[in-house]
Protein backbone atom coordinates (compact mmCIF):
# COMPACT_ATOMS: atom_id res chain seq x y z
CA UNK A 1 66.80 82.91 165.87
CA UNK A 2 64.43 82.08 168.51
CA UNK A 3 62.03 84.02 169.75
CA UNK A 4 59.96 84.15 173.34
CA UNK A 5 56.25 85.20 173.29
CA UNK A 6 57.53 87.98 175.11
CA UNK A 7 60.16 89.27 172.23
CA UNK A 8 58.49 91.99 170.22
CA UNK A 9 57.94 90.94 166.49
CA UNK A 10 60.32 92.71 164.00
CA UNK A 11 57.16 94.71 162.81
CA UNK A 12 56.66 95.75 166.58
CA UNK A 13 60.65 96.87 166.10
CA UNK A 14 60.12 98.63 162.99
CA UNK A 15 56.68 100.56 163.35
CA UNK A 16 58.12 103.93 162.76
CA UNK A 17 59.18 102.82 159.29
CA UNK A 18 55.62 101.40 158.54
CA UNK A 19 52.51 103.15 157.55
CA UNK A 20 49.46 102.60 159.70
CA UNK A 21 48.29 100.02 157.36
CA UNK A 22 51.58 97.89 157.81
CA UNK A 23 52.82 98.56 154.17
CA UNK A 24 56.45 100.37 154.43
CA UNK A 25 56.47 103.83 153.69
CA UNK A 26 57.38 105.41 150.52
CA UNK A 27 60.07 108.11 150.04
CA UNK A 28 61.19 109.85 146.72
CA UNK A 29 65.01 109.16 145.82
CA UNK A 30 64.83 113.30 145.32
CA UNK A 31 63.17 113.46 148.81
CA UNK A 32 66.20 111.63 150.37
CA UNK A 33 69.37 112.24 147.76
CA UNK A 34 68.07 116.08 147.97
CA UNK A 35 70.12 118.24 144.85
CA UNK A 36 73.45 116.89 146.15
CA UNK A 37 72.08 113.38 144.92
CA UNK A 38 73.99 111.63 147.51
CA UNK A 39 72.88 110.54 151.22
CA UNK A 40 75.26 109.14 154.51
CA UNK A 41 73.07 106.34 156.21
CA UNK A 42 74.24 105.33 159.39
CA UNK A 43 73.62 101.64 159.88
CA UNK A 44 75.59 99.87 162.80
CA UNK A 45 78.46 101.96 163.94
CA UNK A 46 78.89 101.76 159.31
CA UNK A 47 78.35 104.89 157.25
CA UNK A 48 77.04 103.98 153.71
CA UNK A 49 76.72 106.32 151.06
CA UNK A 50 73.51 106.15 148.64
CA UNK A 51 73.88 107.93 146.02
CA UNK A 52 72.53 108.54 142.30
CA UNK A 53 74.93 107.90 138.99
CA UNK A 54 74.71 109.65 136.31
CA UNK A 55 72.79 107.16 134.40
CA UNK A 56 70.20 107.76 137.34
CA UNK A 57 70.36 104.90 138.97
CA UNK A 58 71.03 104.05 142.65
CA UNK A 59 74.46 102.33 144.28
CA UNK A 60 74.97 102.05 148.24
CA UNK A 61 78.68 101.80 149.00
CA UNK A 62 80.52 101.42 152.10
């Protein structure tokens, strides 16, 4: 995808998801998933489920 000099850079588009140093924020899976162990993420009109498995792994499904 071509960008013009006036186009915002991807890092500028996602500034709310980065720390002040430009590094991605760190969030624990416990903080995201809570006691239920799962979370629904809406992205581009689709819902994805992020869940913790019984083997303490993470899986993302549509």
